[in-house]
Every structure is written in structure tokens, then in C-alpha cells.
C-alpha atoms as a PDB file:
ATOM      1  CA  UNK A   1      12.145   5.674  52.237  1.00  0.00           C
ATOM      2  CA  UNK A   2      11.298   2.799  54.535  1.00  0.00           C
ATOM      3  CA  UNK A   3       9.018   2.545  57.562  1.00  0.00           C
ATOM      4  CA  UNK A   4       7.215   5.759  58.537  1.00  0.00           C
ATOM      5  CA  UNK A   5       7.439   7.500  61.903  1.00  0.00           C
ATOM      6  CA  UNK A   6       3.628   7.857  62.128  1.00  0.00           C
ATOM      7  CA  UNK A   7       0.683   5.998  60.646  1.00  0.00           C
ATOM      8  CA  UNK A   8      -2.455   8.108  60.047  1.00  0.00           C
ATOM      9  CA  UNK A   9      -5.610   6.696  61.654  1.00  0.00           C
ATOM     10  CA  UNK A  10      -8.052   9.296  60.308  1.00  0.00           C
ATOM     11  CA  UNK A  11      -9.723  12.352  61.862  1.00  0.00           C
ATOM     12  CA  UNK A  12      -6.382  13.863  62.902  1.00  0.00           C
ATOM     13  CA  UNK A  13      -5.246  10.774  64.816  1.00  0.00           C
ATOM     14  CA  UNK A  14      -1.812   9.197  64.387  1.00  0.00           C
ATOM     15  CA  UNK A  15      -0.118   6.032  65.620  1.00  0.00           C
ATOM     16  CA  UNK A  16       3.614   6.526  66.352  1.00  0.00           C
ATOM     17  CA  UNK A  17       6.008   3.700  65.601  1.00  0.00           C
ATOM     18  CA  UNK A  18       9.342   2.724  67.125  1.00  0.00           C
ATOM     19  CA  UNK A  19      11.142   5.206  64.871  1.00  0.00           C
ATOM     20  CA  UNK A  20       9.722   8.043  66.983  1.00  0.00           C
ATOM     21  CA  UNK A  21      11.644   6.921  70.108  1.00  0.00           C
ATOM     22  CA  UNK A  22      13.927   9.424  71.835  1.00  0.00           C
ATOM     23  CA  UNK A  23      17.179   8.984  73.792  1.00  0.00           C
ATOM     24  CA  UNK A  24      15.864   9.496  77.329  1.00  0.00           C
ATOM     25  CA  UNK A  25      13.215   6.769  77.710  1.00  0.00           C
ATOM     26  CA  UNK A  26      12.072   3.713  75.716  1.00  0.00           C
ATOM     27  CA  UNK A  27       8.472   4.901  76.155  1.00  0.00           C
ATOM     28  CA  UNK A  28       8.840   8.509  74.988  1.00  0.00           C
ATOM     29  CA  UNK A  29       9.360  10.144  71.620  1.00  0.00           C
ATOM     30  CA  UNK A  30      12.239  12.250  70.361  1.00  0.00           C
ATOM     31  CA  UNK A  31      11.135  15.883  70.165  1.00  0.00           C
ATOM     32  CA  UNK A  32      11.961  16.067  66.464  1.00  0.00           C
ATOM     33  CA  UNK A  33       9.235  13.544  65.613  1.00  0.00           C
ATOM     34  CA  UNK A  34       6.166  15.396  67.017  1.00  0.00           C
ATOM     35  CA  UNK A  35       7.730  18.695  65.938  1.00  0.00           C
ATOM     36  CA  UNK A  36       7.792  17.504  62.331  1.00  0.00           C
ATOM     37  CA  UNK A  37       4.285  16.027  62.640  1.00  0.00           C
ATOM     38  CA  UNK A  38       2.834  19.347  63.841  1.00  0.00           C
ATOM     39  CA  UNK A  39       4.827  21.273  61.233  1.00  0.00           C
ATOM     40  CA  UNK A  40       3.068  19.297  58.509  1.00  0.00           C
ATOM     41  CA  UNK A  41      -0.336  19.872  60.104  1.00  0.00           C
ATOM     42  CA  UNK A  42       0.332  23.610  60.331  1.00  0.00           C
ATOM     43  CA  UNK A  43       1.361  23.772  56.674  1.00  0.00           C
ATOM     44  CA  UNK A  44      -1.968  22.186  55.729  1.00  0.00           C
ATOM     45  CA  UNK A  45      -3.975  24.717  57.784  1.00  0.00           C
ATOM     46  CA  UNK A  46      -4.837  28.287  56.848  1.00  0.00           C
ATOM     47  CA  UNK A  47      -6.156  30.396  54.017  1.00  0.00           C
ATOM     48  CA  UNK A  48      -5.464  29.287  50.449  1.00  0.00           C
ATOM     49  CA  UNK A  49      -3.170  32.215  49.486  1.00  0.00           C
ATOM     50  CA  UNK A  50       0.485  31.150  48.932  1.00  0.00           C
ATOM     51  CA  UNK A  51       2.196  31.099  52.325  1.00  0.00           C
ATOM     52  CA  UNK A  52       5.264  29.613  53.947  1.00  0.00           C
ATOM     53  CA  UNK A  53       6.142  29.180  57.618  1.00  0.00           C
ATOM     54  CA  UNK A  54       8.685  31.814  58.689  1.00  0.00           C
ATOM     55  CA  UNK A  55       8.735  30.953  62.397  1.00  0.00           C
ATOM     56  CA  UNK A  56       7.658  27.894  64.367  1.00  0.00           C
ATOM     57  CA  UNK A  57       7.699  27.652  68.162  1.00  0.00           C
ATOM     58  CA  UNK A  58       6.866  24.485  70.079  1.00  0.00           C
ATOM     59  CA  UNK A  59       6.406  23.900  73.797  1.00  0.00           C
ATOM     60  CA  UNK A  60       6.849  20.272  74.818  1.00  0.00           C
ATOM     61  CA  UNK A  61       4.492  20.341  77.794  1.00  0.00           C
ATOM     62  CA  UNK A  62       5.343  16.823  78.954  1.00  0.00           C
ATOM     63  CA  UNK A  63       7.109  13.749  77.565  1.00  0.00           C
ATOM     64  CA  UNK A  64       5.338  12.580  74.406  1.00  0.00           C
ATOM     65  CA  UNK A  65       4.393   8.896  74.812  1.00  0.00           C
ATOM     66  CA  UNK A  66       4.675   6.328  72.056  1.00  0.00           C
ATOM     67  CA  UNK A  67       0.903   5.963  71.942  1.00  0.00           C
ATOM     68  CA  UNK A  68      -1.959   7.148  69.678  1.00  0.00           C
ATOM     69  CA  UNK A  69      -2.016  10.931  69.318  1.00  0.00           C
ATOM     70  CA  UNK A  70      -4.598  13.529  68.298  1.00  0.00           C
ATOM     71  CA  UNK A  71      -3.627  16.596  66.244  1.00  0.00           C
ATOM     72  CA  UNK A  72      -5.718  19.782  66.281  1.00  0.00           C
ATOM     73  CA  UNK A  73      -5.047  23.065  64.459  1.00  0.00           C
ATOM     74  CA  UNK A  74      -6.550  26.554  64.523  1.00  0.00           C
ATOM     75  CA  UNK A  75      -6.064  29.742  62.509  1.00  0.00           C
ATOM     76  CA  UNK A  76      -5.371  32.382  65.171  1.00  0.00           C
ATOM     77  CA  UNK A  77      -4.794  35.258  62.783  1.00  0.00           C
ATOM     78  CA  UNK A  78      -6.153  34.998  59.234  1.00  0.00           C
ATOM     79  CA  UNK A  79      -4.741  37.198  56.507  1.00  0.00           C
ATOM     80  CA  UNK A  80      -3.415  37.393  52.971  1.00  0.00           C
ATOM     81  CA  UNK A  81       0.050  38.682  53.954  1.00  0.00           C
ATOM     82  CA  UNK A  82       0.584  37.272  57.437  1.00  0.00           C
ATOM     83  CA  UNK A  83      -1.140  34.382  59.208  1.00  0.00           C
ATOM     84  CA  UNK A  84      -0.734  32.791  62.631  1.00  0.00           C
ATOM     85  CA  UNK A  85      -1.644  29.121  63.038  1.00  0.00           C
ATOM     86  CA  UNK A  86      -1.718  27.200  66.327  1.00  0.00           C
ATOM     87  CA  UNK A  87      -1.555  23.432  66.727  1.00  0.00           C
ATOM     88  CA  UNK A  88      -1.668  20.957  69.573  1.00  0.00           C
ATOM     89  CA  UNK A  89      -0.857  17.308  70.112  1.00  0.00           C
ATOM     90  CA  UNK A  90      -2.796  15.314  72.705  1.00  0.00           C
ATOM     91  CA  UNK A  91      -2.722  11.800  74.128  1.00  0.00           C
ATOM     92  CA  UNK A  92      -5.802  10.411  75.887  1.00  0.00           C
ATOM     93  CA  UNK A  93      -7.230  13.928  76.095  1.00  0.00           C
ATOM     94  CA  UNK A  94      -4.098  15.420  77.692  1.00  0.00           C
ATOM     95  CA  UNK A  95      -2.173  18.044  75.708  1.00  0.00           C
ATOM     96  CA  UNK A  96       1.499  17.104  75.333  1.00  0.00           C
ATOM     97  CA  UNK A  97       2.778  19.587  72.712  1.00  0.00           C
ATOM     98  CA  UNK A  98       1.615  23.080  71.808  1.00  0.00           C
ATOM     99  CA  UNK A  99       2.851  24.924  68.722  1.00  0.00           C
ATOM    100  CA  UNK A 100       2.367  28.266  67.023  1.00  0.00           C
ATOM    101  CA  UNK A 101       3.591  29.304  63.597  1.00  0.00           C
ATOM    102  CA  UNK A 102       3.911  32.598  61.788  1.00  0.00           C
ATOM    103  CA  UNK A 103       3.232  32.349  58.073  1.00  0.00           C
ATOM    104  CA  UNK A 104       4.263  35.018  55.552  1.00  0.00           C
ATOM    105  CA  UNK A 105       2.893  35.297  52.036  1.00  0.00           C
ATOM    106  CA  UNK A 106       5.151  33.829  49.368  1.00  0.00           C
ATOM    107  CA  UNK A 107       5.682  36.136  46.371  1.00  0.00           C
ATOM    108  CA  UNK A 108       8.571  34.967  44.169  1.00  0.00           C
ATOM    109  CA  UNK A 109      10.324  37.892  42.497  1.00  0.00           C
ATOM    110  CA  UNK A 110       9.138  40.415  45.092  1.00  0.00           C
ATOM    111  CA  UNK A 111      12.653  40.756  46.524  1.00  0.00           C
ATOM    112  CA  UNK A 112      16.229  39.854  45.611  1.00  0.00           C
ATOM    113  CA  UNK A 113      17.940  37.094  47.576  1.00  0.00           C
ATOM    114  CA  UNK A 114      20.960  38.258  49.556  1.00  0.00           C
ATOM    115  CA  UNK A 115      22.782  37.724  52.841  1.00  0.00           C
ATOM    116  CA  UNK A 116      22.437  33.945  53.186  1.00  0.00           C
ATOM    117  CA  UNK A 117      26.010  33.017  52.251  1.00  0.00           C
ATOM    118  CA  UNK A 118      27.374  29.739  50.858  1.00  0.00           C
ATOM    119  CA  UNK A 119      27.035  26.299  52.417  1.00  0.00           C
ATOM    120  CA  UNK A 120      29.853  25.215  54.747  1.00  0.00           C
ATOM    121  CA  UNK A 121      32.266  22.532  53.615  1.00  0.00           C
ATOM    122  CA  UNK A 122      32.579  19.612  53.506  1.00  0.00           C
ATOM    123  CA  UNK A 123      29.242  18.718  51.965  1.00  0.00           C
ATOM    124  CA  UNK A 124      27.195  15.676  53.014  1.00  0.00           C
ATOM    125  CA  UNK A 125      28.786  13.338  50.482  1.00  0.00           C
ATOM    126  CA  UNK A 126      32.297  14.222  51.706  1.00  0.00           C
ATOM    127  CA  UNK A 127      31.382  14.028  55.404  1.00  0.00           C
ATOM    128  CA  UNK A 128      32.331  10.926  57.459  1.00  0.00           C
ATOM    129  CA  UNK A 129      30.077   7.897  57.788  1.00  0.00           C
ATOM    130  CA  UNK A 130      26.747   8.321  59.632  1.00  0.00           C
ATOM    131  CA  UNK A 131      26.674   8.358  63.417  1.00  0.00           C
ATOM    132  CA  UNK A 132      25.727   4.931  64.788  1.00  0.00           C
ATOM    133  CA  UNK A 133      23.414   4.961  67.801  1.00  0.00           C
ATOM    134  CA  UNK A 134      23.221   1.951  70.126  1.00  0.00           C
ATOM    135  CA  UNK A 135      19.591   0.862  69.758  1.00  0.00           C
ATOM    136  CA  UNK A 136      20.104  -1.754  72.457  1.00  0.00           C
ATOM    137  CA  UNK A 137      20.325   0.906  75.163  1.00  0.00           C
ATOM    138  CA  UNK A 138      16.578   1.563  74.936  1.00  0.00           C
ATOM    139  CA  UNK A 139      15.470  -1.770  73.558  1.00  0.00           C
ATOM    140  CA  UNK A 140      14.835  -0.698  69.972  1.00  0.00           C
ATOM    141  CA  UNK A 141      15.503   1.816  67.190  1.00  0.00           C
ATOM    142  CA  UNK A 142      15.501   5.551  67.848  1.00  0.00           C
ATOM    143  CA  UNK A 143      14.525   8.583  65.777  1.00  0.00           C
ATOM    144  CA  UNK A 144      18.186   9.577  65.626  1.00  0.00           C
ATOM    145  CA  UNK A 145      19.951   7.007  63.479  1.00  0.00           C
ATOM    146  CA  UNK A 146      16.924   4.963  62.391  1.00  0.00           C
ATOM    147  CA  UNK A 147      14.713   7.764  61.032  1.00  0.00           C
ATOM    148  CA  UNK A 148      17.353  10.493  60.735  1.00  0.00           C
ATOM    149  CA  UNK A 149      20.828  10.032  59.285  1.00  0.00           C
ATOM    150  CA  UNK A 150      23.427  12.282  60.927  1.00  0.00           C
ATOM    151  CA  UNK A 151      26.917  12.886  59.516  1.00  0.00           C
ATOM    152  CA  UNK A 152      29.258  14.982  61.669  1.00  0.00           C
ATOM    153  CA  UNK A 153      31.206  17.236  59.309  1.00  0.00           C
ATOM    154  CA  UNK A 154      33.187  19.608  61.570  1.00  0.00           C
ATOM    155  CA  UNK A 155      33.900  20.341  65.222  1.00  0.00           C
ATOM    156  CA  UNK A 156      34.191  16.773  66.502  1.00  0.00           C
ATOM    157  CA  UNK A 157      34.616  13.280  65.102  1.00  0.00           C
ATOM    158  CA  UNK A 158      32.460  11.326  67.559  1.00  0.00           C
ATOM    159  CA  UNK A 159      28.897  11.955  68.798  1.00  0.00           C
ATOM    160  CA  UNK A 160      30.018  11.343  72.397  1.00  0.00           C
ATOM    161  CA  UNK A 161      32.794  13.963  72.236  1.00  0.00           C
ATOM    162  CA  UNK A 162      31.715  17.151  74.051  1.00  0.00           C
ATOM    163  CA  UNK A 163      31.601  20.484  72.277  1.00  0.00           C
ATOM    164  CA  UNK A 164      30.076  22.386  69.352  1.00  0.00           C
ATOM    165  CA  UNK A 165      29.670  20.569  66.088  1.00  0.00           C
ATOM    166  CA  UNK A 166      28.456  20.814  62.529  1.00  0.00           C
ATOM    167  CA  UNK A 167      26.459  18.014  60.922  1.00  0.00           C
ATOM    168  CA  UNK A 168      24.533  17.107  57.800  1.00  0.00           C
ATOM    169  CA  UNK A 169      21.241  15.264  58.262  1.00  0.00           C
ATOM    170  CA  UNK A 170      18.557  13.666  56.133  1.00  0.00           C
ATOM    171  CA  UNK A 171      15.337  11.822  56.865  1.00  0.00           C
ATOM    172  CA  UNK A 172      15.451   8.090  56.189  1.00  0.00           C
ATOM    173  CA  UNK A 173      11.728   7.603  56.809  1.00  0.00           C
ATOM    174  CA  UNK A 174       8.505   9.403  56.016  1.00  0.00           C
ATOM    175  CA  UNK A 175       7.113  11.403  58.916  1.00  0.00           C
ATOM    176  CA  UNK A 176       3.577  10.347  57.963  1.00  0.00           C
ATOM    177  CA  UNK A 177       3.117   7.134  55.998  1.00  0.00           C
ATOM    178  CA  UNK A 178       2.381   7.825  52.343  1.00  0.00           C
ATOM    179  CA  UNK A 179       3.518  11.473  52.454  1.00  0.00           C
ATOM    180  CA  UNK A 180       6.802  12.929  51.213  1.00  0.00           C
ATOM    181  CA  UNK A 181       8.356  15.023  54.010  1.00  0.00           C
ATOM    182  CA  UNK A 182       8.133  18.752  53.311  1.00  0.00           C
ATOM    183  CA  UNK A 183      11.167  21.071  53.450  1.00  0.00           C
ATOM    184  CA  UNK A 184       9.791  22.520  56.700  1.00  0.00           C
ATOM    185  CA  UNK A 185       9.459  19.072  58.270  1.00  0.00           C
ATOM    186  CA  UNK A 186      13.055  18.239  57.318  1.00  0.00           C
ATOM    187  CA  UNK A 187      14.308  21.497  58.834  1.00  0.00           C
ATOM    188  CA  UNK A 188      12.328  21.196  62.076  1.00  0.00           C
ATOM    189  CA  UNK A 189      13.364  17.578  62.617  1.00  0.00           C
ATOM    190  CA  UNK A 190      17.006  18.589  62.182  1.00  0.00           C
ATOM    191  CA  UNK A 191      16.735  21.631  64.457  1.00  0.00           C
ATOM    192  CA  UNK A 192      15.701  19.485  67.417  1.00  0.00           C
ATOM    193  CA  UNK A 193      19.097  17.753  67.302  1.00  0.00           C
ATOM    194  CA  UNK A 194      21.006  20.936  68.225  1.00  0.00           C
ATOM    195  CA  UNK A 195      21.384  19.964  71.894  1.00  0.00           C
ATOM    196  CA  UNK A 196      22.543  16.452  71.017  1.00  0.00           C
ATOM    197  CA  UNK A 197      24.862  17.511  68.207  1.00  0.00           C
ATOM    198  CA  UNK A 198      26.624  20.072  70.420  1.00  0.00           C
ATOM    199  CA  UNK A 199      26.303  18.405  73.829  1.00  0.00           C
ATOM    200  CA  UNK A 200      28.931  19.371  76.391  1.00  0.00           C
ATOM    201  CA  UNK A 201      27.776  16.743  78.918  1.00  0.00           C
ATOM    202  CA  UNK A 202      27.880  12.937  78.831  1.00  0.00           C
ATOM    203  CA  UNK A 203      24.304  11.916  77.946  1.00  0.00           C
ATOM    204  CA  UNK A 204      24.766   8.648  79.857  1.00  0.00           C
ATOM    205  CA  UNK A 205      25.289  10.667  83.056  1.00  0.00           C
ATOM    206  CA  UNK A 206      23.243  13.815  82.444  1.00  0.00           C
ATOM    207  CA  UNK A 207      19.923  14.692  80.869  1.00  0.00           C
ATOM    208  CA  UNK A 208      19.923  17.929  78.868  1.00  0.00           C
ATOM    209  CA  UNK A 209      16.343  17.999  77.660  1.00  0.00           C
ATOM    210  CA  UNK A 210      14.790  20.790  75.614  1.00  0.00           C
ATOM    211  CA  UNK A 211      11.209  21.616  76.731  1.00  0.00           C
ATOM    212  CA  UNK A 212      10.871  23.890  73.713  1.00  0.00           C
ATOM    213  CA  UNK A 213      12.077  24.537  70.173  1.00  0.00           C
ATOM    214  CA  UNK A 214      11.999  27.674  68.043  1.00  0.00           C
ATOM    215  CA  UNK A 215      12.936  27.729  64.358  1.00  0.00           C
ATOM    216  CA  UNK A 216      13.102  30.851  62.177  1.00  0.00           C
ATOM    217  CA  UNK A 217      13.389  30.342  58.418  1.00  0.00           C
ATOM    218  CA  UNK A 218      14.535  33.187  56.175  1.00  0.00           C
ATOM    219  CA  UNK A 219      13.767  31.106  53.094  1.00  0.00           C
ATOM    220  CA  UNK A 220      12.459  27.658  52.277  1.00  0.00           C
ATOM    221  CA  UNK A 221      15.161  24.965  52.469  1.00  0.00           C
ATOM    222  CA  UNK A 222      15.968  22.898  49.396  1.00  0.00           C
ATOM    223  CA  UNK A 223      16.958  19.271  48.938  1.00  0.00           C
ATOM    224  CA  UNK A 224      16.992  16.223  51.199  1.00  0.00           C
ATOM    225  CA  UNK A 225      20.125  17.204  53.143  1.00  0.00           C
ATOM    226  CA  UNK A 226      19.824  19.755  55.955  1.00  0.00           C
ATOM    227  CA  UNK A 227      22.898  21.067  57.757  1.00  0.00           C
ATOM    228  CA  UNK A 228      23.151  22.156  61.387  1.00  0.00           C
ATOM    229  CA  UNK A 229      25.932  24.161  63.057  1.00  0.00           C
ATOM    230  CA  UNK A 230      25.145  23.922  66.785  1.00  0.00           C
ATOM    231  CA  UNK A 231      26.508  25.213  70.102  1.00  0.00           C
ATOM    232  CA  UNK A 232      25.377  24.345  73.645  1.00  0.00           C
ATOM    233  CA  UNK A 233      25.917  26.430  76.779  1.00  0.00           C
ATOM    234  CA  UNK A 234      25.206  25.079  80.280  1.00  0.00           C
ATOM    235  CA  UNK A 235      24.680  27.261  83.353  1.00  0.00           C
ATOM    236  CA  UNK A 236      25.524  26.303  86.952  1.00  0.00           C
ATOM    237  CA  UNK A 237      21.840  26.255  87.966  1.00  0.00           C
ATOM    238  CA  UNK A 238      20.597  23.236  86.009  1.00  0.00           C
ATOM    239  CA  UNK A 239      19.626  25.065  82.834  1.00  0.00           C
ATOM    240  CA  UNK A 240      21.179  26.003  79.523  1.00  0.00           C
ATOM    241  CA  UNK A 241      20.587  26.609  75.853  1.00  0.00           C
ATOM    242  CA  UNK A 242      21.430  25.176  72.459  1.00  0.00           C
ATOM    243  CA  UNK A 243      21.459  27.337  69.352  1.00  0.00           C
ATOM    244  CA  UNK A 244      21.907  26.352  65.749  1.00  0.00           C
ATOM    245  CA  UNK A 245      22.383  27.692  62.251  1.00  0.00           C
ATOM    246  CA  UNK A 246      20.491  25.758  59.584  1.00  0.00           C
ATOM    247  CA  UNK A 247      21.712  25.435  56.013  1.00  0.00           C
ATOM    248  CA  UNK A 248      21.322  23.388  52.847  1.00  0.00           C
ATOM    249  CA  UNK A 249      23.475  22.932  49.751  1.00  0.00           C
ATOM    250  CA  UNK A 250      22.680  26.529  48.724  1.00  0.00           C
ATOM    251  CA  UNK A 251      23.733  28.092  52.047  1.00  0.00           C
ATOM    252  CA  UNK A 252      22.237  29.315  55.320  1.00  0.00           C
ATOM    253  CA  UNK A 253      18.433  29.504  55.530  1.00  0.00           C
ATOM    254  CA  UNK A 254      17.493  29.617  59.217  1.00  0.00           C
ATOM    255  CA  UNK A 255      18.321  29.545  62.911  1.00  0.00           C
ATOM    256  CA  UNK A 256      17.086  27.517  65.872  1.00  0.00           C
ATOM    257  CA  UNK A 257      17.040  27.800  69.652  1.00  0.00           C
ATOM    258  CA  UNK A 258      16.314  25.414  72.515  1.00  0.00           C
ATOM    259  CA  UNK A 259      16.105  26.087  76.244  1.00  0.00           C
ATOM    260  CA  UNK A 260      17.598  23.191  78.220  1.00  0.00           C
ATOM    261  CA  UNK A 261      16.655  21.475  81.472  1.00  0.00           C
ATOM    262  CA  UNK A 262      19.795  19.850  82.908  1.00  0.00           C
ATOM    263  CA  UNK A 263      20.053  17.197  85.629  1.00  0.00           C
ATOM    264  CA  UNK A 264      21.912  14.056  86.547  1.00  0.00           C
ATOM    265  CA  UNK A 265      20.366  10.842  85.227  1.00  0.00           C
ATOM    266  CA  UNK A 266      17.857   9.473  87.739  1.00  0.00           C
ATOM    267  CA  UNK A 267      17.383  12.745  89.621  1.00  0.00           C
END
């Protein structure tokens, strides 16, 4: 992997790089970047018993600037079977993202795997070439394309084409410099692309921004490639939703949901 999305500064502080940039402003991050950063912080917080994150919910309280950030975590509910961990991301003392995760104890062999189904076809290697994003529109690279490779595999052939779509994704950069991205970080980063992957509006004319993200994982994902089958629905009152099914080479492992704020560009 090449350049990282964030550089650790010590004491829970991180410096975001250009790879964190989102599609709506040259000064703000893509939601998948801070979502993955907080996911890693949450995984590192809690009691030492074997646990995995089964649900992660994030509220993006305001646009996340491309500026030094402070991460804080707290165990809300300790326990050996179930834990709840909260996390926040702040810039200059102002909270910009709030997250809460439900962890469930991991006990291999306790139950038999069933109900997840096979992975959709085609696989990532058979899917078309990666989507190319125009970095010149915002004056530099963006999280989508530069840090995250996206290959549309079904539903539509072009990113700009409206409608539901299926895609394979993989991280091209470390989330935190010097750290291998975890399966959870890969899944969360992918999930935040549901609204873009399945957009029904022209993103050059409309903003369809998700102020939140919820991911539920029935099992831990495997491998570098994460798949997303996404659908967007837009209401007539300036709101909507994007939902997704998450899968890897072994089949379905989770679902995601985003509420959407919709408006014309510049309004």
C-alpha cells in the first residue's frame, strides 16, 4: 500500500492527508475515512476478552475538515459477552463525528455458520476496470479512487449512470500509517459508498449527503476485497436513504444504511 489516509501524531491525534478528501468540498473529508479511523479506535478499546464489532453507528455532526483531529474512546457498557464502546472525533475542540459500537464475544465453534449465501458474480478480478474519478474537480486526489478502488460489477457500467449498482472495492492505502487495515475498517469504508454507488441524482447538480452511517456485521469479513450491493431512494421532501448488502469472496456478511440529506448544489 502507498500513502496513508492519516498520520498518527501521538496521544490520539491524527493528521489527515489528501487521500481523505470527499466529493463535496476540497476542504472536507469523505465520510468513509473518519468512519474507518474511528472503527480502528473502537476495536482497540474495551476489555481484553475476545470480541468483534457486530454493529457500528456513526453520526457525522458536521463536515469533517482536512485538519488535525483528536480521537477519544470510552467503554459505555463493559462485559464479557456484550460490550458497548463510544468514540468521538474532534477538531479544535469541536466534535465532528460521534460513534457507538456494539461488540459481541467471539467464540469460534459455538455455533454453525448458515444463512449467509454465496458471493455474487462476477468476482473482483472479472469485474470491469476501476472507476476513474476526476481529481481535478476538487484540486487533488479523493478518498474514492485514490484510497479506495471501486469496480462496478452489476447494475450499471458507469459511475455517473443513475440507479442501483453492485461493486467490488479494496483499500489502496493504509487508514493509519504503519497499520494494516482491519476487516472492520475495510467494511466500514466500503459501506459509506452506498449512496454514491447507487446514486439516482447527478452529483454535479445535487448533493445527496449522508449525515450518518450504520453497519451491522453478522460475521467478520475476509480478504482485501469487499463487495457492496446498494440501492438509493429519494423522497420529494429533500431526504432519502441508501441501503447496502456487504459481502466478500465467501458471501454476504453484513448490511448498511445511510439517511440522506438532498439539495441542489449551492443551496
